[in-house]
């Protein structure tokens, strides 16, 4: 069985290739109204933390890096994707936000300003135990406290219409995680399959229309379809309904639009180079054949001359 890292890889693919589509997620989470063409800057932040609970010195040191830290108009936003309940999630968020703030900190001798980012957690899957909010309470030596909290986003709270209306196109692949239990069942009912296919067709048609209206580029739409299939392949894991649900978005094997362009370009260039090479090879073979013929003619002429010289010598002796 595949593990949850398939959701992680899908999230990573989308954040690295289509950062602008996450602007709508920020608008939803933080009640902003940024246009989808707003300038977005990705910020890298990572660091090491020591976990004293670990048994040996090597495992005590753990690297931490947040899922996604971006800047829009000098405001900082951190988005985390989570596919299971985790009692230590708030602690990890505290670590991630500290690293994020440190990476953009402004400091001078004896003074540092650490702009803490807005943050949200997208729960791809959730249970009755999953918290609606995440809160970090900082307590200072003078007794004062500060609550640093956020409302979490549950994918199960978003209908397919919500996703299209709120322009949350980048979350379409994760919508289908809600069907994980049903799609893994050996005795899945036709009604359940029909519901999944109905949703797949809905998103497929919507993305086609969005591409026509230039709301999504062809590349974005193609790669969202690819990521939907990636999630479905992860969930079905080769069972007997895999082909039926995956085929709706484009078949079992589905290339990213950019990968297809690279492949087609490579194939074209390779074909052109091969054709040119074959042409040059034929020309070289033709030239070689002509050279060999000329050499044979010269050898024949030389032999004739040698015969003529031998005959003249014989005639001189007779005379």
Protein backbone atom coordinates (compact mmCIF):
# COMPACT_ATOMS: atom_id res chain seq x y z
CA UNK A 1 0.00 0.00 0.00
CA UNK A 2 1.24 3.45 -0.88
CA UNK A 3 1.72 5.96 1.94
CA UNK A 4 0.62 9.52 2.54
CA UNK A 5 3.73 10.90 0.87
CA UNK A 6 1.75 10.66 -2.39
CA UNK A 7 -0.35 13.59 -1.14
CA UNK A 8 2.88 15.35 -0.18
CA UNK A 9 4.37 14.87 -3.64
CA UNK A 10 1.18 16.17 -5.26
CA UNK A 11 1.24 19.26 -3.04
CA UNK A 12 4.93 19.78 -3.82
CA UNK A 13 4.32 19.48 -7.58
CA UNK A 14 1.60 22.11 -7.47
CA UNK A 15 3.42 24.57 -5.21
CA UNK A 16 6.61 24.39 -7.27
CA UNK A 17 4.92 24.68 -10.66
CA UNK A 18 1.85 26.82 -10.01
CA UNK A 19 2.45 29.13 -7.08
CA UNK A 20 -0.08 31.70 -8.27
CA UNK A 21 -2.96 29.27 -7.81
CA UNK A 22 -2.33 29.28 -4.04
CA UNK A 23 -3.30 32.96 -3.89
CA UNK A 24 -6.95 31.88 -3.80
CA UNK A 25 -6.17 29.64 -0.80
CA UNK A 26 -4.66 32.64 0.99
CA UNK A 27 -7.71 34.73 0.11
CA UNK A 28 -9.96 32.06 1.66
CA UNK A 29 -7.88 31.47 4.78
CA UNK A 30 -7.11 35.09 5.64
CA UNK A 31 -10.06 36.93 4.11
CA UNK A 32 -7.89 38.69 1.54
CA UNK A 33 -8.74 39.70 -1.99
CA UNK A 34 -5.49 39.37 -3.90
CA UNK A 35 -5.84 38.97 -7.68
CA UNK A 36 -4.51 35.68 -9.07
CA UNK A 37 -1.86 37.61 -10.98
CA UNK A 38 -0.42 39.24 -7.83
CA UNK A 39 3.34 39.01 -7.52
CA UNK A 40 4.27 36.07 -5.31
CA UNK A 41 7.68 35.30 -3.85
CA UNK A 42 8.57 31.86 -2.49
CA UNK A 43 10.80 31.97 0.59
CA UNK A 44 12.95 29.05 1.67
CA UNK A 45 13.25 28.38 5.39
CA UNK A 46 14.76 25.42 7.15
CA UNK A 47 16.70 24.74 10.34
CA UNK A 48 17.65 22.17 12.93
CA UNK A 49 15.92 21.44 16.23
CA UNK A 50 17.06 19.19 19.07
CA UNK A 51 14.61 16.59 20.37
CA UNK A 52 15.80 15.56 23.83
CA UNK A 53 13.36 12.65 23.85
CA UNK A 54 15.36 10.82 21.18
CA UNK A 55 17.73 8.10 22.46
CA UNK A 56 20.98 9.02 20.70
CA UNK A 57 22.72 12.26 19.83
CA UNK A 58 22.42 11.82 16.06
CA UNK A 59 18.65 11.30 16.04
CA UNK A 60 18.11 14.16 18.49
CA UNK A 61 18.95 16.69 15.77
CA UNK A 62 16.03 17.01 13.36
CA UNK A 63 15.80 19.19 10.27
CA UNK A 64 12.62 21.21 9.88
CA UNK A 65 11.25 22.90 6.76
CA UNK A 66 7.76 24.24 6.26
CA UNK A 67 5.63 23.13 3.33
CA UNK A 68 5.14 26.52 1.75
CA UNK A 69 6.18 30.06 2.74
CA UNK A 70 5.37 32.91 0.37
CA UNK A 71 5.30 36.68 0.40
CA UNK A 72 2.67 38.92 -1.21
CA UNK A 73 3.01 42.68 -0.84
CA UNK A 74 5.47 42.22 2.05
CA UNK A 75 2.99 40.07 3.98
CA UNK A 76 4.08 36.54 4.81
CA UNK A 77 1.91 33.43 4.56
CA UNK A 78 2.70 29.85 5.50
CA UNK A 79 0.57 26.98 4.19
CA UNK A 80 0.88 23.48 5.59
CA UNK A 81 -0.81 20.42 4.09
CA UNK A 82 -1.69 17.63 6.50
CA UNK A 83 -3.25 14.27 5.67
CA UNK A 84 -3.68 12.79 9.16
CA UNK A 85 -4.23 13.79 12.79
CA UNK A 86 -1.02 14.66 14.62
CA UNK A 87 -0.88 15.55 18.31
CA UNK A 88 2.37 17.45 17.70
CA UNK A 89 1.07 19.56 14.84
CA UNK A 90 0.86 22.76 16.93
CA UNK A 91 4.43 22.21 18.10
CA UNK A 92 5.63 21.73 14.53
CA UNK A 93 3.79 24.89 13.48
CA UNK A 94 5.56 26.78 16.28
CA UNK A 95 8.88 25.52 14.92
CA UNK A 96 7.97 26.24 11.30
CA UNK A 97 6.73 29.77 11.99
CA UNK A 98 9.87 30.54 14.00
CA UNK A 99 12.03 29.36 11.09
CA UNK A 100 9.89 31.36 8.67
CA UNK A 101 10.24 34.51 10.78
CA UNK A 102 13.97 33.99 11.21
CA UNK A 103 14.44 33.67 7.45
CA UNK A 104 12.99 37.17 6.88
CA UNK A 105 14.12 38.78 10.15
CA UNK A 106 15.51 42.30 10.26
CA UNK A 107 18.22 42.73 12.84
CA UNK A 108 20.96 44.97 14.10
CA UNK A 109 23.29 44.75 17.05
CA UNK A 110 21.18 43.96 20.11
CA UNK A 111 17.84 44.10 18.29
CA UNK A 112 15.87 41.83 15.95
CA UNK A 113 12.43 42.11 14.39
CA UNK A 114 10.90 38.75 13.45
CA UNK A 115 7.77 39.14 11.32
CA UNK A 116 5.71 36.08 12.19
CA UNK A 117 3.78 34.77 9.17
CA UNK A 118 0.07 34.23 8.84
CA UNK A 119 -0.38 30.47 8.74
CA UNK A 120 -3.02 27.90 7.95
CA UNK A 121 -3.20 24.13 7.83
CA UNK A 122 -5.05 22.35 5.02
CA UNK A 123 -6.32 19.05 6.35
CA UNK A 124 -6.62 16.82 3.29
CA UNK A 125 -8.29 14.24 5.53
CA UNK A 126 -9.77 14.80 8.97
CA UNK A 127 -11.54 12.97 11.76
CA UNK A 128 -13.73 13.88 14.70
CA UNK A 129 -10.52 14.60 16.65
CA UNK A 130 -9.06 17.02 14.12
CA UNK A 131 -9.02 20.54 15.63
CA UNK A 132 -10.89 23.30 13.84
CA UNK A 133 -8.27 25.78 15.01
CA UNK A 134 -4.57 25.63 15.76
CA UNK A 135 -3.30 27.83 18.57
CA UNK A 136 0.17 28.57 19.88
CA UNK A 137 0.24 30.44 23.20
CA UNK A 138 3.47 32.26 23.97
CA UNK A 139 4.05 32.96 27.65
CA UNK A 140 6.65 35.59 28.53
CA UNK A 141 8.68 36.03 31.73
CA UNK A 142 6.55 38.99 32.83
CA UNK A 143 3.50 36.71 32.88
CA UNK A 144 1.92 38.10 29.72
CA UNK A 145 0.72 35.73 27.00
CA UNK A 146 -0.02 36.00 23.31
CA UNK A 147 -2.25 33.62 21.38
CA UNK A 148 -1.08 32.93 17.84
CA UNK A 149 -3.93 31.07 16.18
CA UNK A 150 -5.54 30.19 12.87
CA UNK A 151 -8.63 28.52 11.48
CA UNK A 152 -7.75 25.24 9.79
CA UNK A 153 -9.09 24.37 6.34
CA UNK A 154 -10.88 21.01 6.06
CA UNK A 155 -11.14 19.70 2.50
CA UNK A 156 -14.33 17.88 3.53
CA UNK A 157 -15.95 21.27 4.26
CA UNK A 158 -15.46 22.37 0.66
CA UNK A 159 -18.01 21.28 -1.92
CA UNK A 160 -17.02 20.95 -5.55
CA UNK A 161 -19.00 24.13 -6.25
CA UNK A 162 -17.11 25.96 -3.47
CA UNK A 163 -13.81 25.03 -5.06
CA UNK A 164 -14.79 26.44 -8.45
CA UNK A 165 -16.60 29.51 -7.07
CA UNK A 166 -13.71 30.45 -4.76
CA UNK A 167 -11.12 29.66 -7.47
CA UNK A 168 -9.47 27.00 -5.32
CA UNK A 169 -8.43 25.08 -8.43
CA UNK A 170 -5.17 23.99 -6.85
CA UNK A 171 -7.15 21.99 -4.26
CA UNK A 172 -9.08 19.92 -6.81
CA UNK A 173 -6.75 16.87 -6.52
CA UNK A 174 -7.20 16.77 -2.74
CA UNK A 175 -11.00 16.89 -3.03
CA UNK A 176 -10.95 13.19 -3.92
CA UNK A 177 -9.24 12.17 -0.67
CA UNK A 178 -12.77 12.17 0.81
CA UNK A 179 -13.45 9.02 -1.20
CA UNK A 180 -10.40 7.17 0.09
CA UNK A 181 -12.35 4.72 2.24
CA UNK A 182 -14.90 3.89 -0.47
CA UNK A 183 -12.32 3.53 -3.25
CA UNK A 184 -10.25 1.13 -1.15
CA UNK A 185 -13.23 -1.11 -0.37
CA UNK A 186 -13.25 -4.43 -2.20
CA UNK A 187 -17.05 -4.42 -2.31
CA UNK A 188 -17.53 -0.81 -3.38
CA UNK A 189 -21.03 -0.17 -4.69
CA UNK A 190 -21.83 1.12 -8.17
CA UNK A 191 -23.51 4.10 -6.50
CA UNK A 192 -20.22 5.10 -4.85
CA UNK A 193 -18.32 4.70 -8.11
CA UNK A 194 -20.91 6.79 -9.95
CA UNK A 195 -20.56 9.58 -7.37
CA UNK A 196 -16.77 9.68 -7.83
CA UNK A 197 -17.10 9.65 -11.63
CA UNK A 198 -19.76 12.38 -11.47
CA UNK A 199 -17.37 14.61 -9.49
CA UNK A 200 -14.49 13.80 -11.85
CA UNK A 201 -16.61 14.75 -14.86
CA UNK A 202 -17.74 17.92 -13.12
CA UNK A 203 -14.16 19.10 -12.52
CA UNK A 204 -13.01 17.97 -15.95
CA UNK A 205 -15.74 20.00 -17.66
CA UNK A 206 -15.17 23.02 -15.40
CA UNK A 207 -11.43 23.05 -16.11
CA UNK A 208 -12.10 22.78 -19.84
CA UNK A 209 -14.34 25.84 -19.62
CA UNK A 210 -11.84 27.69 -17.41
CA UNK A 211 -9.13 27.02 -20.00
CA UNK A 212 -11.34 28.41 -22.76
CA UNK A 213 -11.98 31.51 -20.66
CA UNK A 214 -8.23 31.88 -19.93
CA UNK A 215 -8.90 31.60 -16.20
CA UNK A 216 -6.58 28.59 -16.20
CA UNK A 217 -3.78 28.06 -18.65
CA UNK A 218 -3.71 24.81 -20.58
CA UNK A 219 -0.61 23.83 -18.64
CA UNK A 220 -2.32 24.46 -15.28
CA UNK A 221 -5.44 22.51 -16.26
CA UNK A 222 -3.41 19.59 -17.62
CA UNK A 223 -1.23 19.37 -14.54
CA UNK A 224 -4.20 19.55 -12.16
CA UNK A 225 -5.69 16.62 -14.10
CA UNK A 226 -2.39 14.80 -13.75
CA UNK A 227 -2.38 15.40 -9.99
CA UNK A 228 -5.98 14.18 -9.70
CA UNK A 229 -4.92 10.95 -11.37
CA UNK A 230 -1.88 10.74 -9.12
CA UNK A 231 -4.14 10.91 -6.05
CA UNK A 232 -6.57 8.36 -7.51
CA UNK A 233 -3.74 5.95 -8.33
CA UNK A 234 -2.49 6.32 -4.77
CA UNK A 235 -5.93 5.60 -3.30
CA UNK A 236 -7.00 2.71 -5.56
CA UNK A 237 -3.51 1.17 -5.50
CA UNK A 238 -4.14 -1.14 -8.46
CA UNK A 239 -7.57 -2.44 -7.48
CA UNK A 240 -10.25 -3.41 -10.00
CA UNK A 241 -11.84 0.07 -10.24
CA UNK A 242 -8.60 1.99 -10.76
CA UNK A 243 -8.90 2.09 -14.58
CA UNK A 244 -12.53 3.19 -14.47
CA UNK A 245 -11.95 6.26 -12.29
CA UNK A 246 -8.55 7.25 -13.66
CA UNK A 247 -9.71 7.18 -17.28
CA UNK A 248 -12.11 10.11 -16.70
CA UNK A 249 -9.24 12.59 -16.33
CA UNK A 250 -7.12 11.27 -19.13
CA UNK A 251 -6.05 7.67 -18.79
CA UNK A 252 -3.78 5.66 -16.54
CA UNK A 253 -0.57 7.18 -17.84
CA UNK A 254 -0.87 10.94 -18.03
CA UNK A 255 2.05 13.26 -18.70
CA UNK A 256 2.39 16.72 -17.27
CA UNK A 257 1.80 19.29 -19.99
CA UNK A 258 5.34 20.64 -19.63
CA UNK A 259 6.78 17.14 -19.67
CA UNK A 260 4.86 16.37 -22.86
CA UNK A 261 6.22 19.52 -24.49
CA UNK A 262 9.76 18.53 -23.50
CA UNK A 263 9.23 14.98 -24.78
CA UNK A 264 7.70 16.09 -28.08
CA UNK A 265 10.41 18.71 -28.60
CA UNK A 266 13.11 16.18 -27.78
CA UNK A 267 11.59 13.64 -30.15
CA UNK A 268 11.36 16.25 -32.90
CA UNK A 269 14.94 17.42 -32.44
CA UNK A 270 16.15 13.82 -32.24
CA UNK A 271 14.29 12.97 -35.45
CA UNK A 272 15.71 16.04 -37.22
CA UNK A 273 19.26 15.29 -36.04
CA UNK A 274 18.88 11.64 -37.02
CA UNK A 275 17.54 12.57 -40.46
CA UNK A 276 20.38 15.06 -40.99
CA UNK A 277 22.92 12.48 -39.83
CA UNK A 278 21.48 9.87 -42.20
CA UNK A 279 21.54 12.39 -45.04
CA UNK A 280 25.18 13.24 -44.33
CA UNK A 281 25.99 9.55 -44.01
CA UNK A 282 24.46 8.80 -47.41
CA UNK A 283 26.35 11.74 -48.92
CA UNK A 284 29.57 10.48 -47.36
CA UNK A 285 28.90 6.97 -48.65
CA UNK A 286 28.26 8.39 -52.11
CA UNK A 287 31.50 10.38 -51.99
CA UNK A 288 33.36 7.33 -50.74
CA UNK A 289 31.96 5.23 -53.59
CA UNK A 290 33.02 7.88 -56.12
CA UNK A 291 36.50 8.05 -54.58
CA UNK A 292 36.79 4.27 -54.71
CA UNK A 293 35.71 4.32 -58.38
CA UNK A 294 38.25 7.03 -59.17
CA UNK A 295 40.93 5.04 -57.37
CA UNK A 296 39.96 1.89 -59.29
CA UNK A 297 40.14 3.84 -62.56
CA UNK A 298 43.58 5.13 -61.62
CA UNK A 299 44.73 1.61 -60.71
CA UNK A 300 43.45 0.35 -64.04
CA UNK A 301 45.16 3.19 -65.92
CA UNK A 302 48.39 2.54 -64.00
CA UNK A 303 48.22 -1.15 -64.91
CA UNK A 304 47.71 -0.23 -68.56
CA UNK A 305 50.69 2.14 -68.45
CA UNK A 306 52.85 -0.54 -66.85
CA UNK A 307 51.84 -2.96 -69.60
CA UNK A 308 52.64 -0.33 -72.24
CA UNK A 309 56.05 0.33 -70.67
CA UNK A 310 56.78 -3.40 -70.58
CA UNK A 311 55.79 -3.77 -74.23
CA UNK A 312 58.00 -0.83 -75.30
CA UNK A 313 60.96 -2.30 -73.41
CA UNK A 314 60.42 -5.63 -75.13
CA UNK A 315 60.27 -3.93 -78.54
CA UNK A 316 63.55 -2.07 -77.86
CA UNK A 317 65.32 -5.30 -77.03
CA UNK A 318 64.11 -6.91 -80.24
CA UNK A 319 65.31 -3.95 -82.26
